[in-house]
Amino acid sequence: MTDLKPIADEAATRFAFSLLRSAYLDLAQTLLRIEAEPARELLQGVEHRIAYRLGSLGQGDVEGHLQASALAAAAGQVQAVLRDAQAG
């Protein structure tokens, strides 16, 4: 059963991301309808924080580089959601 744990963890992570993506897009659409300019500023601020955090990763050893690559891939998915939210 312990062999299934990584698969279950990955499935749970994907499901959680999917739920949060849907919620974030709904929230962004609502905010954009209420007050478009402040909503866009908020969404852009989140994107800037992601870019800032990515800039501080990957400095150091090989393990740090591998971890930074994985985090960069995850952040890329989040940034795609943010772009979708701003387009919506």
N, C-alpha and C. Protein backbone atom coordinates (compact mmCIF):
# COMPACT_ATOMS: atom_id res chain seq x y z
N MET A 1 0.81 -1.20 0.00
CA MET A 1 0.00 0.00 0.00
C MET A 1 0.85 1.25 0.00
N THR A 2 2.02 1.16 0.55
CA THR A 2 2.87 2.36 0.54
C THR A 2 3.30 2.72 -0.87
N ASP A 3 3.26 1.78 -1.80
CA ASP A 3 3.60 2.08 -3.19
C ASP A 3 2.57 3.01 -3.83
N LEU A 4 1.35 3.04 -3.32
CA LEU A 4 0.32 3.89 -3.88
C LEU A 4 0.37 5.31 -3.34
N LYS A 5 1.10 5.52 -2.27
CA LYS A 5 1.12 6.83 -1.64
C LYS A 5 1.57 7.94 -2.58
N PRO A 6 2.68 7.82 -3.32
CA PRO A 6 3.05 8.91 -4.23
C PRO A 6 1.99 9.18 -5.30
N ILE A 7 1.36 8.11 -5.78
CA ILE A 7 0.31 8.28 -6.78
C ILE A 7 -0.89 8.99 -6.16
N ALA A 8 -1.27 8.58 -4.95
CA ALA A 8 -2.39 9.22 -4.27
C ALA A 8 -2.07 10.68 -3.95
N ASP A 9 -0.84 10.96 -3.53
CA ASP A 9 -0.45 12.34 -3.26
C ASP A 9 -0.53 13.19 -4.52
N GLU A 10 -0.06 12.65 -5.63
CA GLU A 10 -0.11 13.40 -6.89
C GLU A 10 -1.55 13.65 -7.33
N ALA A 11 -2.39 12.64 -7.19
CA ALA A 11 -3.80 12.80 -7.55
C ALA A 11 -4.46 13.86 -6.67
N ALA A 12 -4.17 13.82 -5.39
CA ALA A 12 -4.74 14.81 -4.47
C ALA A 12 -4.26 16.22 -4.81
N THR A 13 -3.00 16.34 -5.15
CA THR A 13 -2.44 17.64 -5.52
C THR A 13 -3.09 18.17 -6.78
N ARG A 14 -3.25 17.31 -7.77
CA ARG A 14 -3.89 17.73 -9.03
C ARG A 14 -5.35 18.14 -8.78
N PHE A 15 -6.05 17.38 -7.96
CA PHE A 15 -7.44 17.69 -7.65
C PHE A 15 -7.55 19.02 -6.91
N ALA A 16 -6.68 19.22 -5.93
CA ALA A 16 -6.69 20.47 -5.17
C ALA A 16 -6.40 21.65 -6.09
N PHE A 17 -5.42 21.50 -6.98
CA PHE A 17 -5.09 22.57 -7.91
C PHE A 17 -6.29 22.88 -8.81
N SER A 18 -6.96 21.85 -9.27
CA SER A 18 -8.12 22.03 -10.14
C SER A 18 -9.23 22.80 -9.41
N LEU A 19 -9.47 22.43 -8.17
CA LEU A 19 -10.49 23.13 -7.38
C LEU A 19 -10.12 24.59 -7.14
N LEU A 20 -8.87 24.81 -6.78
CA LEU A 20 -8.42 26.18 -6.53
C LEU A 20 -8.41 27.00 -7.82
N ARG A 21 -8.07 26.37 -8.94
CA ARG A 21 -8.10 27.06 -10.22
C ARG A 21 -9.51 27.54 -10.53
N SER A 22 -10.49 26.67 -10.39
CA SER A 22 -11.87 27.04 -10.65
C SER A 22 -12.33 28.16 -9.72
N ALA A 23 -12.00 28.04 -8.46
CA ALA A 23 -12.40 29.06 -7.49
C ALA A 23 -11.74 30.40 -7.81
N TYR A 24 -10.47 30.38 -8.16
CA TYR A 24 -9.74 31.61 -8.46
C TYR A 24 -10.31 32.28 -9.70
N LEU A 25 -10.61 31.49 -10.73
CA LEU A 25 -11.18 32.06 -11.95
C LEU A 25 -12.55 32.68 -11.68
N ASP A 26 -13.37 32.00 -10.89
CA ASP A 26 -14.68 32.55 -10.52
C ASP A 26 -14.52 33.85 -9.76
N LEU A 27 -13.62 33.85 -8.80
CA LEU A 27 -13.39 35.06 -8.00
C LEU A 27 -12.88 36.20 -8.88
N ALA A 28 -11.94 35.91 -9.75
CA ALA A 28 -11.38 36.94 -10.63
C ALA A 28 -12.47 37.53 -11.53
N GLN A 29 -13.30 36.68 -12.10
CA GLN A 29 -14.38 37.17 -12.96
C GLN A 29 -15.33 38.08 -12.20
N THR A 30 -15.65 37.71 -10.98
CA THR A 30 -16.53 38.52 -10.15
C THR A 30 -15.88 39.87 -9.84
N LEU A 31 -14.62 39.84 -9.44
CA LEU A 31 -13.92 41.09 -9.13
C LEU A 31 -13.81 41.99 -10.36
N LEU A 32 -13.53 41.38 -11.51
CA LEU A 32 -13.41 42.17 -12.74
C LEU A 32 -14.74 42.83 -13.12
N ARG A 33 -15.84 42.15 -12.87
CA ARG A 33 -17.16 42.73 -13.15
C ARG A 33 -17.48 43.88 -12.19
N ILE A 34 -17.04 43.74 -10.95
CA ILE A 34 -17.34 44.77 -9.95
C ILE A 34 -16.51 46.02 -10.19
N GLU A 35 -15.20 45.83 -10.33
CA GLU A 35 -14.28 46.97 -10.48
C GLU A 35 -13.05 46.47 -11.23
N ALA A 36 -13.06 46.66 -12.53
CA ALA A 36 -12.06 46.04 -13.41
C ALA A 36 -10.62 46.46 -13.11
N GLU A 37 -10.36 47.75 -13.00
CA GLU A 37 -8.97 48.20 -12.87
C GLU A 37 -8.32 47.72 -11.56
N PRO A 38 -8.96 47.91 -10.40
CA PRO A 38 -8.35 47.39 -9.17
C PRO A 38 -8.19 45.85 -9.21
N ALA A 39 -9.13 45.16 -9.83
CA ALA A 39 -9.01 43.70 -9.94
C ALA A 39 -7.79 43.32 -10.76
N ARG A 40 -7.57 44.01 -11.88
CA ARG A 40 -6.40 43.73 -12.71
C ARG A 40 -5.10 44.02 -11.95
N GLU A 41 -5.10 45.10 -11.19
CA GLU A 41 -3.92 45.43 -10.39
C GLU A 41 -3.64 44.33 -9.37
N LEU A 42 -4.69 43.83 -8.74
CA LEU A 42 -4.53 42.74 -7.77
C LEU A 42 -3.97 41.49 -8.43
N LEU A 43 -4.53 41.11 -9.56
CA LEU A 43 -4.06 39.91 -10.27
C LEU A 43 -2.61 40.08 -10.74
N GLN A 44 -2.27 41.27 -11.20
CA GLN A 44 -0.90 41.52 -11.62
C GLN A 44 0.06 41.50 -10.43
N GLY A 45 -0.40 41.97 -9.29
CA GLY A 45 0.42 41.92 -8.08
C GLY A 45 0.75 40.49 -7.69
N VAL A 46 -0.22 39.60 -7.82
CA VAL A 46 0.02 38.19 -7.52
C VAL A 46 1.07 37.63 -8.49
N GLU A 47 0.95 37.97 -9.77
CA GLU A 47 1.92 37.51 -10.75
C GLU A 47 3.33 38.01 -10.42
N HIS A 48 3.43 39.26 -10.01
CA HIS A 48 4.74 39.82 -9.66
C HIS A 48 5.36 39.11 -8.45
N ARG A 49 4.51 38.77 -7.48
CA ARG A 49 5.03 38.03 -6.31
C ARG A 49 5.57 36.67 -6.72
N ILE A 50 4.88 36.00 -7.63
CA ILE A 50 5.36 34.71 -8.12
C ILE A 50 6.71 34.88 -8.81
N ALA A 51 6.81 35.88 -9.68
CA ALA A 51 8.07 36.12 -10.39
C ALA A 51 9.19 36.43 -9.41
N TYR A 52 8.90 37.21 -8.38
CA TYR A 52 9.90 37.55 -7.37
C TYR A 52 10.39 36.30 -6.64
N ARG A 53 9.45 35.47 -6.24
CA ARG A 53 9.83 34.24 -5.52
C ARG A 53 10.63 33.30 -6.41
N LEU A 54 10.26 33.21 -7.67
CA LEU A 54 11.01 32.36 -8.60
C LEU A 54 12.43 32.88 -8.77
N GLY A 55 12.59 34.19 -8.76
CA GLY A 55 13.92 34.78 -8.91
C GLY A 55 14.85 34.43 -7.77
N SER A 56 14.30 34.13 -6.60
CA SER A 56 15.13 33.80 -5.45
C SER A 56 15.41 32.31 -5.32
N LEU A 57 14.86 31.50 -6.22
CA LEU A 57 15.05 30.06 -6.17
C LEU A 57 16.21 29.63 -7.08
N GLY A 58 16.64 28.42 -6.87
CA GLY A 58 17.61 27.80 -7.77
C GLY A 58 19.03 28.26 -7.58
N GLN A 59 19.31 28.94 -6.50
CA GLN A 59 20.67 29.36 -6.23
C GLN A 59 21.31 28.34 -5.31
N GLY A 60 22.43 27.79 -5.74
CA GLY A 60 23.11 26.83 -4.88
C GLY A 60 23.43 25.53 -5.58
N ASP A 61 23.23 24.43 -4.87
CA ASP A 61 23.66 23.12 -5.34
C ASP A 61 22.70 22.53 -6.38
N VAL A 62 23.07 21.33 -6.85
CA VAL A 62 22.27 20.65 -7.87
C VAL A 62 20.89 20.32 -7.34
N GLU A 63 20.81 19.85 -6.09
CA GLU A 63 19.50 19.52 -5.51
C GLU A 63 18.62 20.76 -5.46
N GLY A 64 19.20 21.88 -5.10
CA GLY A 64 18.45 23.14 -5.09
C GLY A 64 17.97 23.50 -6.48
N HIS A 65 18.80 23.22 -7.49
CA HIS A 65 18.42 23.50 -8.87
C HIS A 65 17.25 22.62 -9.30
N LEU A 66 17.30 21.34 -8.93
CA LEU A 66 16.20 20.43 -9.28
C LEU A 66 14.91 20.85 -8.59
N GLN A 67 15.02 21.23 -7.34
CA GLN A 67 13.84 21.68 -6.60
C GLN A 67 13.30 22.97 -7.23
N ALA A 68 14.19 23.87 -7.60
CA ALA A 68 13.77 25.11 -8.22
C ALA A 68 13.08 24.84 -9.55
N SER A 69 13.54 23.86 -10.29
CA SER A 69 12.90 23.53 -11.57
C SER A 69 11.49 23.02 -11.35
N ALA A 70 11.31 22.18 -10.34
CA ALA A 70 9.98 21.66 -10.03
C ALA A 70 9.06 22.80 -9.58
N LEU A 71 9.58 23.68 -8.75
CA LEU A 71 8.78 24.81 -8.29
C LEU A 71 8.46 25.77 -9.43
N ALA A 72 9.41 25.95 -10.34
CA ALA A 72 9.17 26.81 -11.49
C ALA A 72 8.07 26.23 -12.37
N ALA A 73 8.04 24.92 -12.53
CA ALA A 73 6.98 24.28 -13.32
C ALA A 73 5.63 24.51 -12.65
N ALA A 74 5.59 24.36 -11.34
CA ALA A 74 4.34 24.59 -10.61
C ALA A 74 3.92 26.05 -10.72
N ALA A 75 4.86 26.95 -10.56
CA ALA A 75 4.55 28.38 -10.67
C ALA A 75 4.07 28.73 -12.07
N GLY A 76 4.60 28.07 -13.08
CA GLY A 76 4.15 28.28 -14.44
C GLY A 76 2.68 27.94 -14.61
N GLN A 77 2.26 26.88 -13.96
CA GLN A 77 0.84 26.50 -14.01
C GLN A 77 -0.03 27.56 -13.33
N VAL A 78 0.46 28.08 -12.21
CA VAL A 78 -0.28 29.11 -11.49
C VAL A 78 -0.35 30.38 -12.33
N GLN A 79 0.76 30.73 -12.97
CA GLN A 79 0.76 31.92 -13.81
C GLN A 79 -0.22 31.79 -14.98
N ALA A 80 -0.35 30.59 -15.52
CA ALA A 80 -1.32 30.36 -16.59
C ALA A 80 -2.74 30.62 -16.08
N VAL A 81 -3.02 30.21 -14.86
CA VAL A 81 -4.34 30.48 -14.27
C VAL A 81 -4.55 31.98 -14.11
N LEU A 82 -3.52 32.68 -13.66
CA LEU A 82 -3.63 34.12 -13.49
C LEU A 82 -3.88 34.83 -14.83
N ARG A 83 -3.20 34.39 -15.87
CA ARG A 83 -3.44 34.97 -17.19
C ARG A 83 -4.87 34.71 -17.65
N ASP A 84 -5.34 33.48 -17.44
CA ASP A 84 -6.73 33.16 -17.79
C ASP A 84 -7.71 34.04 -17.01
N ALA A 85 -7.39 34.26 -15.74
CA ALA A 85 -8.28 35.08 -14.90
C ALA A 85 -8.34 36.51 -15.42
N GLN A 86 -7.21 37.05 -15.84
CA GLN A 86 -7.19 38.43 -16.35
C GLN A 86 -7.88 38.54 -17.71
N ALA A 87 -7.82 37.48 -18.49
CA ALA A 87 -8.45 37.49 -19.81
C ALA A 87 -9.96 37.37 -19.70
N GLY A 88 -10.42 36.71 -18.62
CA GLY A 88 -11.84 36.42 -18.45
C GLY A 88 -12.60 37.61 -18.09
